[in-house]
Amino acid sequence: MAMYQITDKLAVGNVSDAENPPASIGALLMVAVELSIMPPAGVAYDKIPLKEYGEAGISSLDQAVAWIEAHLPENRVLVCCRAGMGRSVSVVLAYLCCAEDMAYPDALSLLLKRRPGAVPLPNLRCAIEALQQLRESRRVSNASGLRA
């Protein structure tokens, strides 16, 4: 099994892990545009396609972070791509920065320690910073709407 546990409830893996996830996994997010799998029965599943070696779009990262948030903490979540080294790692990095409020260098350090060989997508830090601003503006907008 090539799955790598990043936090207690969040792991990254490759296509083999996606096709045969451990029984402890309750939710599976596939982020490889070129792959389609049939998830096991009883496992929440979605696909948010990212191109290998391409830059992650803010919209795709936003969807992926929101999907992970919706499935944690009730489930152990597995994020997969072809090799479990680039796109899946990038999505988990975005989640840690945007939802867990980790600083980018700390999140990157954790990922590199837990997933040796990880290679985040190009310009990921800029995309994450833009996503953080988008999420913050949504929070401010929602908060001011509640006061009206």
N, C-alpha and C. Protein backbone atom coordinates (compact mmCIF):
# COMPACT_ATOMS: atom_id res chain seq x y z
N MET A 1 0.85 -1.19 0.00
CA MET A 1 0.00 0.00 0.00
C MET A 1 0.90 1.24 0.00
N ALA A 2 0.62 2.14 -0.90
CA ALA A 2 1.44 3.34 -1.01
C ALA A 2 0.83 4.54 -0.29
N MET A 3 -0.27 4.32 0.41
CA MET A 3 -0.96 5.43 1.08
C MET A 3 -0.06 6.02 2.17
N TYR A 4 -0.11 7.35 2.28
CA TYR A 4 0.68 8.05 3.29
C TYR A 4 -0.26 8.85 4.18
N GLN A 5 -0.19 8.61 5.47
CA GLN A 5 -1.02 9.32 6.44
C GLN A 5 -0.39 10.68 6.71
N ILE A 6 -1.12 11.76 6.42
CA ILE A 6 -0.59 13.11 6.63
C ILE A 6 -1.01 13.63 8.00
N THR A 7 -2.30 13.47 8.33
CA THR A 7 -2.80 13.78 9.68
C THR A 7 -3.57 12.54 10.14
N ASP A 8 -4.13 12.59 11.34
CA ASP A 8 -4.88 11.44 11.84
C ASP A 8 -6.01 11.03 10.90
N LYS A 9 -6.63 11.99 10.23
CA LYS A 9 -7.82 11.71 9.43
C LYS A 9 -7.63 11.95 7.93
N LEU A 10 -6.42 12.33 7.51
CA LEU A 10 -6.20 12.73 6.12
C LEU A 10 -4.96 12.04 5.56
N ALA A 11 -5.15 11.40 4.39
CA ALA A 11 -4.05 10.67 3.76
C ALA A 11 -4.00 10.99 2.27
N VAL A 12 -2.84 10.75 1.66
CA VAL A 12 -2.69 10.85 0.20
C VAL A 12 -2.31 9.48 -0.32
N GLY A 13 -2.69 9.23 -1.58
CA GLY A 13 -2.36 7.94 -2.15
C GLY A 13 -2.38 7.98 -3.66
N ASN A 14 -2.07 6.81 -4.26
CA ASN A 14 -2.03 6.70 -5.71
C ASN A 14 -3.28 6.00 -6.23
N VAL A 15 -3.30 5.71 -7.51
CA VAL A 15 -4.49 5.12 -8.12
C VAL A 15 -4.80 3.75 -7.53
N SER A 16 -3.79 2.96 -7.18
CA SER A 16 -4.03 1.65 -6.56
C SER A 16 -4.72 1.80 -5.22
N ASP A 17 -4.31 2.80 -4.44
CA ASP A 17 -4.96 3.07 -3.15
C ASP A 17 -6.41 3.47 -3.37
N ALA A 18 -6.66 4.25 -4.42
CA ALA A 18 -8.03 4.70 -4.71
C ALA A 18 -8.92 3.53 -5.08
N GLU A 19 -8.37 2.59 -5.83
CA GLU A 19 -9.16 1.43 -6.27
C GLU A 19 -9.42 0.44 -5.13
N ASN A 20 -8.51 0.39 -4.17
CA ASN A 20 -8.64 -0.55 -3.04
C ASN A 20 -8.27 0.14 -1.73
N PRO A 21 -9.08 1.13 -1.30
CA PRO A 21 -8.72 1.85 -0.08
C PRO A 21 -8.88 0.96 1.16
N PRO A 22 -8.10 1.23 2.20
CA PRO A 22 -8.28 0.48 3.44
C PRO A 22 -9.69 0.69 3.98
N ALA A 23 -10.16 -0.27 4.76
CA ALA A 23 -11.51 -0.21 5.32
C ALA A 23 -11.72 1.03 6.19
N SER A 24 -10.63 1.58 6.73
CA SER A 24 -10.75 2.75 7.60
C SER A 24 -11.11 4.03 6.84
N ILE A 25 -10.97 4.04 5.51
CA ILE A 25 -11.25 5.22 4.70
C ILE A 25 -12.75 5.32 4.43
N GLY A 26 -13.32 6.48 4.78
CA GLY A 26 -14.76 6.69 4.58
C GLY A 26 -15.07 7.63 3.44
N ALA A 27 -14.07 8.36 2.95
CA ALA A 27 -14.29 9.32 1.87
C ALA A 27 -13.04 9.37 0.99
N LEU A 28 -13.26 9.42 -0.31
CA LEU A 28 -12.18 9.36 -1.29
C LEU A 28 -12.35 10.47 -2.31
N LEU A 29 -11.32 11.28 -2.48
CA LEU A 29 -11.33 12.35 -3.47
C LEU A 29 -10.26 12.06 -4.51
N MET A 30 -10.68 11.87 -5.77
CA MET A 30 -9.75 11.65 -6.88
C MET A 30 -9.49 13.00 -7.53
N VAL A 31 -8.23 13.36 -7.70
CA VAL A 31 -7.90 14.66 -8.29
C VAL A 31 -7.12 14.53 -9.61
N ALA A 32 -7.08 13.32 -10.18
CA ALA A 32 -6.39 13.11 -11.46
C ALA A 32 -7.39 13.21 -12.61
N VAL A 33 -7.17 14.14 -13.51
CA VAL A 33 -8.09 14.35 -14.63
C VAL A 33 -8.17 13.11 -15.52
N GLU A 34 -7.07 12.37 -15.64
CA GLU A 34 -7.00 11.26 -16.59
C GLU A 34 -7.52 9.93 -16.04
N LEU A 35 -7.90 9.89 -14.77
CA LEU A 35 -8.30 8.62 -14.16
C LEU A 35 -9.77 8.61 -13.74
N SER A 36 -10.38 7.47 -13.92
CA SER A 36 -11.74 7.23 -13.42
C SER A 36 -11.73 5.90 -12.70
N ILE A 37 -12.32 5.86 -11.53
CA ILE A 37 -12.37 4.62 -10.77
C ILE A 37 -13.80 4.36 -10.31
N MET A 38 -14.05 3.14 -9.92
CA MET A 38 -15.30 2.78 -9.27
C MET A 38 -14.99 2.65 -7.79
N PRO A 39 -15.43 3.60 -6.97
CA PRO A 39 -15.11 3.51 -5.54
C PRO A 39 -15.86 2.35 -4.89
N PRO A 40 -15.32 1.82 -3.81
CA PRO A 40 -16.01 0.75 -3.10
C PRO A 40 -17.35 1.25 -2.53
N ALA A 41 -18.29 0.34 -2.39
CA ALA A 41 -19.59 0.68 -1.80
C ALA A 41 -19.38 1.24 -0.40
N GLY A 42 -20.15 2.26 -0.07
CA GLY A 42 -20.09 2.83 1.27
C GLY A 42 -19.02 3.89 1.47
N VAL A 43 -18.23 4.16 0.43
CA VAL A 43 -17.19 5.19 0.52
C VAL A 43 -17.68 6.42 -0.24
N ALA A 44 -17.75 7.56 0.45
CA ALA A 44 -18.12 8.82 -0.22
C ALA A 44 -17.05 9.12 -1.26
N TYR A 45 -17.47 9.54 -2.44
CA TYR A 45 -16.51 9.72 -3.53
C TYR A 45 -16.84 10.95 -4.35
N ASP A 46 -15.78 11.62 -4.81
CA ASP A 46 -15.94 12.69 -5.79
C ASP A 46 -14.65 12.79 -6.58
N LYS A 47 -14.75 13.46 -7.72
CA LYS A 47 -13.58 13.69 -8.57
C LYS A 47 -13.52 15.17 -8.89
N ILE A 48 -12.40 15.78 -8.58
CA ILE A 48 -12.15 17.18 -8.94
C ILE A 48 -10.87 17.16 -9.77
N PRO A 49 -11.01 17.22 -11.10
CA PRO A 49 -9.87 16.95 -11.98
C PRO A 49 -8.83 18.06 -12.03
N LEU A 50 -7.58 17.66 -11.79
CA LEU A 50 -6.42 18.55 -11.93
C LEU A 50 -5.47 17.90 -12.93
N LYS A 51 -4.81 18.73 -13.73
CA LYS A 51 -3.85 18.21 -14.72
C LYS A 51 -2.50 17.95 -14.05
N GLU A 52 -1.89 16.83 -14.43
CA GLU A 52 -0.57 16.49 -13.90
C GLU A 52 0.43 17.55 -14.34
N TYR A 53 1.23 18.01 -13.40
CA TYR A 53 2.28 19.02 -13.61
C TYR A 53 1.74 20.40 -14.00
N GLY A 54 0.42 20.56 -14.07
CA GLY A 54 -0.15 21.86 -14.39
C GLY A 54 -0.36 22.66 -13.11
N GLU A 55 -0.62 23.94 -13.27
CA GLU A 55 -0.93 24.77 -12.10
C GLU A 55 -2.34 24.46 -11.63
N ALA A 56 -2.50 24.46 -10.33
CA ALA A 56 -3.83 24.21 -9.75
C ALA A 56 -4.65 25.49 -9.83
N GLY A 57 -5.84 25.38 -10.41
CA GLY A 57 -6.73 26.53 -10.47
C GLY A 57 -7.34 26.80 -9.11
N ILE A 58 -7.59 28.05 -8.81
CA ILE A 58 -8.15 28.43 -7.51
C ILE A 58 -9.53 27.80 -7.33
N SER A 59 -10.32 27.77 -8.39
CA SER A 59 -11.66 27.19 -8.30
C SER A 59 -11.60 25.70 -7.94
N SER A 60 -10.70 24.96 -8.58
CA SER A 60 -10.55 23.53 -8.28
C SER A 60 -10.06 23.32 -6.86
N LEU A 61 -9.08 24.11 -6.43
CA LEU A 61 -8.59 23.99 -5.05
C LEU A 61 -9.70 24.32 -4.06
N ASP A 62 -10.48 25.34 -4.37
CA ASP A 62 -11.59 25.74 -3.50
C ASP A 62 -12.59 24.59 -3.36
N GLN A 63 -12.95 23.97 -4.47
CA GLN A 63 -13.88 22.83 -4.44
C GLN A 63 -13.30 21.68 -3.63
N ALA A 64 -12.02 21.39 -3.83
CA ALA A 64 -11.38 20.27 -3.15
C ALA A 64 -11.30 20.50 -1.64
N VAL A 65 -10.91 21.70 -1.24
CA VAL A 65 -10.82 22.03 0.19
C VAL A 65 -12.20 21.93 0.83
N ALA A 66 -13.22 22.47 0.15
CA ALA A 66 -14.59 22.41 0.68
C ALA A 66 -15.07 20.97 0.79
N TRP A 67 -14.71 20.13 -0.18
CA TRP A 67 -15.13 18.72 -0.15
C TRP A 67 -14.49 18.01 1.05
N ILE A 68 -13.20 18.25 1.25
CA ILE A 68 -12.52 17.64 2.40
C ILE A 68 -13.15 18.12 3.70
N GLU A 69 -13.38 19.43 3.81
CA GLU A 69 -14.01 19.98 5.01
C GLU A 69 -15.36 19.33 5.28
N ALA A 70 -16.14 19.08 4.23
CA ALA A 70 -17.47 18.49 4.38
C ALA A 70 -17.42 17.04 4.86
N HIS A 71 -16.30 16.37 4.61
CA HIS A 71 -16.20 14.95 4.96
C HIS A 71 -15.36 14.68 6.20
N LEU A 72 -14.65 15.68 6.69
CA LEU A 72 -13.93 15.57 7.96
C LEU A 72 -14.78 16.25 9.01
N PRO A 73 -14.77 15.91 10.27
CA PRO A 73 -14.00 14.84 10.89
C PRO A 73 -14.74 13.51 10.95
N GLU A 74 -15.92 13.41 10.34
CA GLU A 74 -16.70 12.18 10.44
C GLU A 74 -16.01 11.01 9.75
N ASN A 75 -15.19 11.28 8.75
CA ASN A 75 -14.53 10.23 7.97
C ASN A 75 -13.02 10.41 7.95
N ARG A 76 -12.34 9.32 7.69
CA ARG A 76 -10.93 9.40 7.29
C ARG A 76 -10.97 9.63 5.79
N VAL A 77 -10.27 10.65 5.32
CA VAL A 77 -10.32 11.05 3.92
C VAL A 77 -9.01 10.69 3.22
N LEU A 78 -9.14 10.09 2.04
CA LEU A 78 -8.00 9.75 1.19
C LEU A 78 -8.09 10.60 -0.07
N VAL A 79 -7.03 11.36 -0.37
CA VAL A 79 -6.96 12.17 -1.58
C VAL A 79 -5.95 11.49 -2.51
N CYS A 80 -6.39 11.16 -3.72
CA CYS A 80 -5.56 10.37 -4.63
C CYS A 80 -5.36 11.04 -5.99
N CYS A 81 -4.20 10.74 -6.58
CA CYS A 81 -3.93 11.06 -7.98
C CYS A 81 -3.18 9.84 -8.55
N ARG A 82 -2.57 9.98 -9.70
CA ARG A 82 -1.92 8.83 -10.33
C ARG A 82 -0.83 8.24 -9.45
N ALA A 83 0.11 9.09 -9.01
CA ALA A 83 1.25 8.60 -8.24
C ALA A 83 1.17 8.93 -6.75
N GLY A 84 0.25 9.81 -6.36
CA GLY A 84 0.16 10.19 -4.96
C GLY A 84 1.30 11.08 -4.51
N MET A 85 1.85 11.86 -5.46
CA MET A 85 3.01 12.70 -5.15
C MET A 85 2.82 14.17 -5.46
N GLY A 86 1.97 14.51 -6.42
CA GLY A 86 1.86 15.90 -6.87
C GLY A 86 0.51 16.51 -6.58
N ARG A 87 -0.50 16.11 -7.35
CA ARG A 87 -1.81 16.74 -7.23
C ARG A 87 -2.47 16.46 -5.88
N SER A 88 -2.41 15.21 -5.42
CA SER A 88 -3.03 14.89 -4.13
C SER A 88 -2.34 15.64 -3.00
N VAL A 89 -1.03 15.69 -3.04
CA VAL A 89 -0.26 16.42 -2.03
C VAL A 89 -0.61 17.91 -2.07
N SER A 90 -0.77 18.45 -3.27
CA SER A 90 -1.09 19.87 -3.43
C SER A 90 -2.45 20.21 -2.83
N VAL A 91 -3.44 19.33 -3.05
CA VAL A 91 -4.77 19.55 -2.49
C VAL A 91 -4.73 19.48 -0.97
N VAL A 92 -4.00 18.52 -0.42
CA VAL A 92 -3.89 18.42 1.04
C VAL A 92 -3.15 19.63 1.61
N LEU A 93 -2.14 20.10 0.91
CA LEU A 93 -1.42 21.30 1.33
C LEU A 93 -2.38 22.50 1.37
N ALA A 94 -3.21 22.63 0.35
CA ALA A 94 -4.20 23.72 0.32
C ALA A 94 -5.18 23.57 1.48
N TYR A 95 -5.62 22.36 1.76
CA TYR A 95 -6.54 22.12 2.88
C TYR A 95 -5.88 22.54 4.21
N LEU A 96 -4.65 22.12 4.42
CA LEU A 96 -3.97 22.44 5.68
C LEU A 96 -3.82 23.96 5.86
N CYS A 97 -3.51 24.66 4.78
CA CYS A 97 -3.34 26.11 4.85
C CYS A 97 -4.66 26.85 5.00
N CYS A 98 -5.67 26.43 4.25
CA CYS A 98 -6.93 27.16 4.19
C CYS A 98 -7.92 26.77 5.28
N ALA A 99 -7.98 25.50 5.63
CA ALA A 99 -8.97 25.04 6.60
C ALA A 99 -8.39 24.86 8.00
N GLU A 100 -7.11 24.48 8.07
CA GLU A 100 -6.47 24.27 9.37
C GLU A 100 -5.60 25.45 9.78
N ASP A 101 -5.54 26.48 8.93
CA ASP A 101 -4.77 27.70 9.20
C ASP A 101 -3.28 27.46 9.48
N MET A 102 -2.72 26.44 8.84
CA MET A 102 -1.27 26.23 8.95
C MET A 102 -0.56 27.20 8.02
N ALA A 103 0.60 27.66 8.44
CA ALA A 103 1.43 28.48 7.56
C ALA A 103 1.96 27.57 6.44
N TYR A 104 2.11 28.12 5.24
CA TYR A 104 2.55 27.32 4.10
C TYR A 104 3.85 26.57 4.38
N PRO A 105 4.90 27.22 4.92
CA PRO A 105 6.15 26.48 5.16
C PRO A 105 5.96 25.31 6.15
N ASP A 106 5.11 25.50 7.15
CA ASP A 106 4.86 24.43 8.13
C ASP A 106 4.10 23.27 7.48
N ALA A 107 3.09 23.60 6.68
CA ALA A 107 2.31 22.56 6.01
C ALA A 107 3.18 21.80 5.01
N LEU A 108 4.02 22.52 4.28
CA LEU A 108 4.92 21.89 3.32
C LEU A 108 5.91 20.97 4.04
N SER A 109 6.45 21.44 5.15
CA SER A 109 7.39 20.63 5.92
C SER A 109 6.73 19.35 6.42
N LEU A 110 5.50 19.45 6.93
CA LEU A 110 4.76 18.28 7.40
C LEU A 110 4.55 17.30 6.24
N LEU A 111 4.12 17.80 5.10
CA LEU A 111 3.87 16.93 3.95
C LEU A 111 5.13 16.24 3.47
N LEU A 112 6.23 16.97 3.41
CA LEU A 112 7.48 16.37 2.94
C LEU A 112 8.00 15.31 3.92
N LYS A 113 7.70 15.52 5.20
CA LYS A 113 8.11 14.54 6.21
C LYS A 113 7.24 13.28 6.12
N ARG A 114 5.94 13.47 5.92
CA ARG A 114 5.00 12.34 5.90
C ARG A 114 4.90 11.68 4.53
N ARG A 115 5.21 12.43 3.46
CA ARG A 115 5.16 11.87 2.10
C ARG A 115 6.47 12.19 1.39
N PRO A 116 7.52 11.38 1.66
CA PRO A 116 8.80 11.61 0.98
C PRO A 116 8.61 11.57 -0.54
N GLY A 117 9.29 12.47 -1.24
CA GLY A 117 9.18 12.52 -2.69
C GLY A 117 8.04 13.39 -3.20
N ALA A 118 7.30 14.01 -2.27
CA ALA A 118 6.19 14.87 -2.68
C ALA A 118 6.70 16.04 -3.53
N VAL A 119 5.94 16.34 -4.58
CA VAL A 119 6.29 17.43 -5.48
C VAL A 119 5.03 18.27 -5.73
N PRO A 120 4.82 19.33 -4.93
CA PRO A 120 3.64 20.17 -5.14
C PRO A 120 3.62 20.78 -6.54
N LEU A 121 2.41 21.07 -7.02
CA LEU A 121 2.24 21.66 -8.34
C LEU A 121 2.90 23.03 -8.43
N PRO A 122 3.24 23.47 -9.66
CA PRO A 122 3.88 24.78 -9.85
C PRO A 122 3.00 25.92 -9.33
N ASN A 123 3.65 26.91 -8.75
CA ASN A 123 2.97 28.12 -8.27
C ASN A 123 1.85 27.85 -7.27
N LEU A 124 1.96 26.73 -6.55
CA LEU A 124 0.90 26.36 -5.62
C LEU A 124 0.76 27.37 -4.49
N ARG A 125 1.87 27.87 -3.99
CA ARG A 125 1.80 28.82 -2.87
C ARG A 125 0.97 30.05 -3.25
N CYS A 126 1.17 30.56 -4.45
CA CYS A 126 0.40 31.73 -4.92
C CYS A 126 -1.09 31.39 -5.01
N ALA A 127 -1.39 30.21 -5.53
CA ALA A 127 -2.79 29.78 -5.66
C ALA A 127 -3.43 29.64 -4.27
N ILE A 128 -2.69 29.08 -3.33
CA ILE A 128 -3.22 28.93 -1.97
C ILE A 128 -3.45 30.30 -1.33
N GLU A 129 -2.52 31.22 -1.52
CA GLU A 129 -2.69 32.56 -0.95
C GLU A 129 -3.92 33.25 -1.55
N ALA A 130 -4.14 33.07 -2.85
CA ALA A 130 -5.33 33.65 -3.50
C ALA A 130 -6.60 32.99 -2.95
N LEU A 131 -6.55 31.69 -2.73
CA LEU A 131 -7.70 30.98 -2.18
C LEU A 131 -7.98 31.43 -0.74
N GLN A 132 -6.94 31.64 0.03
CA GLN A 132 -7.12 32.13 1.40
C GLN A 132 -7.82 33.50 1.39
N GLN A 133 -7.43 34.37 0.47
CA GLN A 133 -8.08 35.68 0.36
C GLN A 133 -9.54 35.54 -0.06
N LEU A 134 -9.81 34.64 -1.00
CA LEU A 134 -11.18 34.39 -1.44
C LEU A 134 -12.04 33.89 -0.29
N ARG A 135 -11.53 32.95 0.46
CA ARG A 135 -12.28 32.38 1.59
C ARG A 135 -12.51 33.44 2.68
N GLU A 136 -11.51 34.28 2.90
CA GLU A 136 -11.65 35.34 3.90
C GLU A 136 -12.70 36.36 3.45
N SER A 137 -12.69 36.73 2.17
CA SER A 137 -13.68 37.70 1.69
C SER A 137 -15.09 37.10 1.78
N ARG A 138 -15.22 35.80 1.55
CA ARG A 138 -16.52 35.13 1.72
C ARG A 138 -16.96 35.18 3.17
N ARG A 139 -16.03 34.93 4.09
CA ARG A 139 -16.35 34.97 5.53
C ARG A 139 -16.83 36.34 5.93
N VAL A 140 -16.12 37.37 5.49
CA VAL A 140 -16.46 38.75 5.82
C VAL A 140 -17.83 39.08 5.24
N SER A 141 -18.04 38.69 3.99
CA SER A 141 -19.31 38.95 3.31
C SER A 141 -20.46 38.23 4.01
N ASN A 142 -20.26 36.98 4.39
CA ASN A 142 -21.29 36.22 5.09
C ASN A 142 -21.56 36.81 6.48
N ALA A 143 -20.51 37.24 7.16
CA ALA A 143 -20.67 37.82 8.50
C ALA A 143 -21.43 39.14 8.43
N SER A 144 -21.12 39.98 7.43
CA SER A 144 -21.83 41.25 7.34
C SER A 144 -23.27 41.04 6.89
N GLY A 145 -23.51 40.00 6.11
CA GLY A 145 -24.88 39.67 5.71
C GLY A 145 -25.72 39.21 6.87
N LEU A 146 -25.09 38.55 7.84
CA LEU A 146 -25.82 38.08 9.01
C LEU A 146 -26.23 39.23 9.92
N ARG A 147 -25.43 40.30 9.93
CA ARG A 147 -25.71 41.44 10.80
C ARG A 147 -26.84 42.31 10.24
N ALA A 148 -27.07 42.23 8.96
CA ALA A 148 -28.07 43.12 8.32
C ALA A 148 -29.48 42.83 8.82
